[in-house]
Amino acid sequence: MRIALAGDHAGFALKESLRHRLAARGEAVEDLGARDEQPSDYPDFAEAVGRAVAEGRAERGILVCGSGVGVAAAANKIPGVRAGLCHDHYSAHQGVEHDDMNVLALGSRVVGEAVAFELVDAFLAARFSGEERHLRRLAKVRLIEARYARLRGD
């Protein structure tokens, strides 16, 4: 699986741990920053991962900031991105199975490394169910996205 990975300065250490773990098991990881713990801006990394997923360069994305809230909010501004902030195992797989979540947002100041590994594993192993009720709901999400894109003149 092709995975786009990024985090700001607050998420740097956890992002690095995730990168090493994923690479060690043979995943194709594109590291989109940050490169160190110098102060940086989470929207830049959220956009980079979101674009990689929306443009098909990556099948899934993983974002890390201090709380996970900022990267999730920013990534969700990109059409086609469905980022979910997850701090528990159930949400990490259910978000994919029911909502076709394609970007996982994590808070490095909220979850430890062991929990983050568990969440990433659950997220990457999960597949969208394709059940009619989930397809119907996802279509409604896409309609909302399209409606507001038209209002902006996109």
C-alpha atoms as a PDB file:
ATOM      1  CA  MET A   1       0.000   0.000   0.000  1.00  0.00           C
ATOM      2  CA  ARG A   2       1.242   3.494  -0.843  1.00  0.00           C
ATOM      3  CA  ILE A   3       1.076   5.685   2.263  1.00  0.00           C
ATOM      4  CA  ALA A   4       1.632   9.443   2.528  1.00  0.00           C
ATOM      5  CA  LEU A   5       2.919  10.392   5.980  1.00  0.00           C
ATOM      6  CA  ALA A   6       3.533  13.780   7.583  1.00  0.00           C
ATOM      7  CA  GLY A   7       3.488  15.630  10.853  1.00  0.00           C
ATOM      8  CA  ASP A   8       4.334  19.059  12.155  1.00  0.00           C
ATOM      9  CA  HIS A   9       6.972  19.752  14.797  1.00  0.00           C
ATOM     10  CA  ALA A  10       4.734  18.413  17.580  1.00  0.00           C
ATOM     11  CA  GLY A  11       4.126  15.222  15.640  1.00  0.00           C
ATOM     12  CA  PHE A  12       7.668  14.796  14.326  1.00  0.00           C
ATOM     13  CA  ALA A  13       8.921  12.162  16.787  1.00  0.00           C
ATOM     14  CA  LEU A  14       5.817   9.984  16.437  1.00  0.00           C
ATOM     15  CA  LYS A  15       5.827  10.430  12.658  1.00  0.00           C
ATOM     16  CA  GLU A  16       9.413   9.216  12.566  1.00  0.00           C
ATOM     17  CA  SER A  17       8.565   6.153  14.665  1.00  0.00           C
ATOM     18  CA  LEU A  18       5.664   5.353  12.363  1.00  0.00           C
ATOM     19  CA  ARG A  19       7.829   5.836   9.266  1.00  0.00           C
ATOM     20  CA  HIS A  20      10.473   3.441  10.551  1.00  0.00           C
ATOM     21  CA  ARG A  21       7.908   0.835  11.562  1.00  0.00           C
ATOM     22  CA  LEU A  22       6.030   0.978   8.257  1.00  0.00           C
ATOM     23  CA  ALA A  23       9.208   0.883   6.185  1.00  0.00           C
ATOM     24  CA  ALA A  24      10.525  -2.089   8.184  1.00  0.00           C
ATOM     25  CA  ARG A  25       7.509  -4.119   7.166  1.00  0.00           C
ATOM     26  CA  GLY A  26       7.799  -3.156   3.525  1.00  0.00           C
ATOM     27  CA  GLU A  27       5.147  -0.462   3.156  1.00  0.00           C
ATOM     28  CA  ALA A  28       5.764   2.191   0.484  1.00  0.00           C
ATOM     29  CA  VAL A  29       5.882   5.352   2.585  1.00  0.00           C
ATOM     30  CA  GLU A  30       6.253   8.849   1.202  1.00  0.00           C
ATOM     31  CA  ASP A  31       7.500  11.094   4.002  1.00  0.00           C
ATOM     32  CA  LEU A  32       6.150  14.592   3.372  1.00  0.00           C
ATOM     33  CA  GLY A  33       7.724  16.222   6.449  1.00  0.00           C
ATOM     34  CA  ALA A  34       8.451  17.714   8.850  1.00  0.00           C
ATOM     35  CA  ARG A  35      12.148  17.032   8.814  1.00  0.00           C
ATOM     36  CA  ASP A  36      12.839  18.105  12.394  1.00  0.00           C
ATOM     37  CA  GLU A  37      11.238  19.526  15.545  1.00  0.00           C
ATOM     38  CA  GLN A  38      11.653  23.170  14.539  1.00  0.00           C
ATOM     39  CA  PRO A  39       8.310  25.012  14.749  1.00  0.00           C
ATOM     40  CA  SER A  40       6.244  24.395  11.636  1.00  0.00           C
ATOM     41  CA  ASP A  41       2.658  24.812  10.507  1.00  0.00           C
ATOM     42  CA  TYR A  42       0.328  21.805  10.464  1.00  0.00           C
ATOM     43  CA  PRO A  43      -1.790  23.033   7.503  1.00  0.00           C
ATOM     44  CA  ASP A  44       1.207  22.673   5.185  1.00  0.00           C
ATOM     45  CA  PHE A  45       1.607  18.993   6.044  1.00  0.00           C
ATOM     46  CA  ALA A  46      -2.127  18.309   6.012  1.00  0.00           C
ATOM     47  CA  GLU A  47      -2.342  19.758   2.516  1.00  0.00           C
ATOM     48  CA  ALA A  48       0.640  17.729   1.297  1.00  0.00           C
ATOM     49  CA  VAL A  49      -0.829  14.435   2.526  1.00  0.00           C
ATOM     50  CA  GLY A  50      -4.352  15.333   1.448  1.00  0.00           C
ATOM     51  CA  ARG A  51      -3.193  16.169  -2.063  1.00  0.00           C
ATOM     52  CA  ALA A  52      -1.200  12.938  -2.311  1.00  0.00           C
ATOM     53  CA  VAL A  53      -4.342  10.962  -1.438  1.00  0.00           C
ATOM     54  CA  ALA A  54      -6.758  13.040  -3.530  1.00  0.00           C
ATOM     55  CA  GLU A  55      -4.472  12.849  -6.572  1.00  0.00           C
ATOM     56  CA  GLY A  56      -3.987   9.080  -6.200  1.00  0.00           C
ATOM     57  CA  ARG A  57      -0.262   9.188  -5.415  1.00  0.00           C
ATOM     58  CA  ALA A  58      -1.097   7.492  -2.111  1.00  0.00           C
ATOM     59  CA  GLU A  59      -3.888   5.112  -1.188  1.00  0.00           C
ATOM     60  CA  ARG A  60      -3.955   6.267   2.431  1.00  0.00           C
ATOM     61  CA  GLY A  61      -2.540   9.128   4.452  1.00  0.00           C
ATOM     62  CA  ILE A  62      -1.399   9.476   8.031  1.00  0.00           C
ATOM     63  CA  LEU A  63      -1.037  12.859   9.724  1.00  0.00           C
ATOM     64  CA  VAL A  64       0.323  13.700  13.163  1.00  0.00           C
ATOM     65  CA  CYS A  65       0.210  16.928  15.135  1.00  0.00           C
ATOM     66  CA  GLY A  66      -0.045  17.613  18.854  1.00  0.00           C
ATOM     67  CA  SER A  67      -3.766  16.926  19.181  1.00  0.00           C
ATOM     68  CA  GLY A  68      -4.616  15.612  15.715  1.00  0.00           C
ATOM     69  CA  VAL A  69      -7.435  18.149  15.485  1.00  0.00           C
ATOM     70  CA  GLY A  70      -5.622  20.684  13.323  1.00  0.00           C
ATOM     71  CA  VAL A  71      -4.369  18.252  10.708  1.00  0.00           C
ATOM     72  CA  ALA A  72      -7.779  16.582  10.466  1.00  0.00           C
ATOM     73  CA  ALA A  73      -9.580  19.902   9.996  1.00  0.00           C
ATOM     74  CA  ALA A  74      -7.101  21.118   7.388  1.00  0.00           C
ATOM     75  CA  ALA A  75      -6.973  17.846   5.431  1.00  0.00           C
ATOM     76  CA  ASN A  76     -10.762  17.719   5.253  1.00  0.00           C
ATOM     77  CA  LYS A  77     -10.775  20.958   3.252  1.00  0.00           C
ATOM     78  CA  ILE A  78      -9.388  19.024   0.276  1.00  0.00           C
ATOM     79  CA  PRO A  79     -12.067  17.489  -1.955  1.00  0.00           C
ATOM     80  CA  GLY A  80     -11.945  13.709  -1.823  1.00  0.00           C
ATOM     81  CA  VAL A  81     -10.197  13.558   1.534  1.00  0.00           C
ATOM     82  CA  ARG A  82     -12.013  11.964   4.430  1.00  0.00           C
ATOM     83  CA  ALA A  83      -9.725  12.446   7.414  1.00  0.00           C
ATOM     84  CA  GLY A  84     -10.658  11.072  10.798  1.00  0.00           C
ATOM     85  CA  LEU A  85      -9.123  11.879  14.142  1.00  0.00           C
ATOM     86  CA  CYS A  86      -8.806   8.556  15.933  1.00  0.00           C
ATOM     87  CA  HIS A  87      -7.531   7.770  19.386  1.00  0.00           C
ATOM     88  CA  ASP A  88      -9.133   4.339  19.747  1.00  0.00           C
ATOM     89  CA  HIS A  89      -8.929   1.066  17.828  1.00  0.00           C
ATOM     90  CA  TYR A  90     -12.613   0.898  16.911  1.00  0.00           C
ATOM     91  CA  SER A  91     -12.692   4.325  15.242  1.00  0.00           C
ATOM     92  CA  ALA A  92      -9.490   3.621  13.307  1.00  0.00           C
ATOM     93  CA  HIS A  93     -10.987   0.628  11.489  1.00  0.00           C
ATOM     94  CA  GLN A  94     -14.676   1.579  11.550  1.00  0.00           C
ATOM     95  CA  GLY A  95     -13.897   4.926   9.924  1.00  0.00           C
ATOM     96  CA  VAL A  96     -12.587   3.054   6.904  1.00  0.00           C
ATOM     97  CA  GLU A  97     -15.205   0.284   6.896  1.00  0.00           C
ATOM     98  CA  HIS A  98     -18.228   2.598   7.148  1.00  0.00           C
ATOM     99  CA  ASP A  99     -17.056   6.048   6.048  1.00  0.00           C
ATOM    100  CA  ASP A 100     -14.274   5.216   3.567  1.00  0.00           C
ATOM    101  CA  MET A 101     -11.830   7.269   5.654  1.00  0.00           C
ATOM    102  CA  ASN A 102      -8.615   7.672   3.702  1.00  0.00           C
ATOM    103  CA  VAL A 103      -6.530   9.793   6.081  1.00  0.00           C
ATOM    104  CA  LEU A 104      -5.839   8.969   9.716  1.00  0.00           C
ATOM    105  CA  ALA A 105      -5.107  11.892  12.029  1.00  0.00           C
ATOM    106  CA  LEU A 106      -3.298  11.252  15.298  1.00  0.00           C
ATOM    107  CA  GLY A 107      -2.446  13.417  18.280  1.00  0.00           C
ATOM    108  CA  SER A 108       1.091  12.812  19.475  1.00  0.00           C
ATOM    109  CA  ARG A 109       0.278  14.458  22.824  1.00  0.00           C
ATOM    110  CA  VAL A 110      -2.808  12.266  23.210  1.00  0.00           C
ATOM    111  CA  VAL A 111      -1.693   8.750  22.265  1.00  0.00           C
ATOM    112  CA  GLY A 112       1.567   7.007  22.976  1.00  0.00           C
ATOM    113  CA  GLU A 113       3.664   5.185  20.454  1.00  0.00           C
ATOM    114  CA  ALA A 114       2.207   1.728  21.180  1.00  0.00           C
ATOM    115  CA  VAL A 115      -1.374   2.954  20.753  1.00  0.00           C
ATOM    116  CA  ALA A 116      -0.419   4.867  17.604  1.00  0.00           C
ATOM    117  CA  PHE A 117       1.039   1.670  16.102  1.00  0.00           C
ATOM    118  CA  GLU A 118      -2.183  -0.175  16.925  1.00  0.00           C
ATOM    119  CA  LEU A 119      -4.316   2.555  15.357  1.00  0.00           C
ATOM    120  CA  VAL A 120      -2.220   2.681  12.197  1.00  0.00           C
ATOM    121  CA  ASP A 121      -2.369  -1.103  11.860  1.00  0.00           C
ATOM    122  CA  ALA A 122      -6.168  -1.086  12.262  1.00  0.00           C
ATOM    123  CA  PHE A 123      -6.532   1.787   9.767  1.00  0.00           C
ATOM    124  CA  LEU A 124      -4.328   0.189   7.123  1.00  0.00           C
ATOM    125  CA  ALA A 125      -5.869  -3.276   7.461  1.00  0.00           C
ATOM    126  CA  ALA A 126      -9.447  -2.032   7.182  1.00  0.00           C
ATOM    127  CA  ARG A 127     -11.387  -1.940   3.916  1.00  0.00           C
ATOM    128  CA  PHE A 128     -14.523  -0.029   2.985  1.00  0.00           C
ATOM    129  CA  SER A 129     -17.475  -2.405   3.265  1.00  0.00           C
ATOM    130  CA  GLY A 130     -19.325  -1.104   0.212  1.00  0.00           C
ATOM    131  CA  GLU A 131     -22.635  -1.867   1.930  1.00  0.00           C
ATOM    132  CA  GLU A 132     -25.590   0.007   0.453  1.00  0.00           C
ATOM    133  CA  ARG A 133     -26.212   2.099   3.573  1.00  0.00           C
ATOM    134  CA  HIS A 134     -22.564   3.208   3.662  1.00  0.00           C
ATOM    135  CA  LEU A 135     -22.522   3.948  -0.072  1.00  0.00           C
ATOM    136  CA  ARG A 136     -25.695   6.028   0.355  1.00  0.00           C
ATOM    137  CA  ARG A 137     -24.173   8.027   3.206  1.00  0.00           C
ATOM    138  CA  LEU A 138     -20.889   8.520   1.396  1.00  0.00           C
ATOM    139  CA  ALA A 139     -22.795   9.814  -1.639  1.00  0.00           C
ATOM    140  CA  LYS A 140     -24.451  12.375   0.633  1.00  0.00           C
ATOM    141  CA  VAL A 141     -21.054  13.463   1.945  1.00  0.00           C
ATOM    142  CA  ARG A 142     -19.855  13.919  -1.634  1.00  0.00           C
ATOM    143  CA  LEU A 143     -22.967  15.960  -2.449  1.00  0.00           C
ATOM    144  CA  ILE A 144     -22.267  18.260   0.504  1.00  0.00           C
ATOM    145  CA  GLU A 145     -18.690  18.668  -0.709  1.00  0.00           C
ATOM    146  CA  ALA A 146     -19.847  19.469  -4.261  1.00  0.00           C
ATOM    147  CA  ARG A 147     -22.531  21.885  -3.061  1.00  0.00           C
ATOM    148  CA  TYR A 148     -20.057  24.002  -1.128  1.00  0.00           C
ATOM    149  CA  ALA A 149     -17.440  23.820  -3.899  1.00  0.00           C
ATOM    150  CA  ARG A 150     -20.030  25.413  -6.202  1.00  0.00           C
ATOM    151  CA  LEU A 151     -20.705  28.161  -3.649  1.00  0.00           C
ATOM    152  CA  ARG A 152     -16.995  28.966  -3.611  1.00  0.00           C
ATOM    153  CA  GLY A 153     -16.942  28.939  -7.391  1.00  0.00           C
ATOM    154  CA  ASP A 154     -14.624  25.909  -7.686  1.00  0.00           C
END
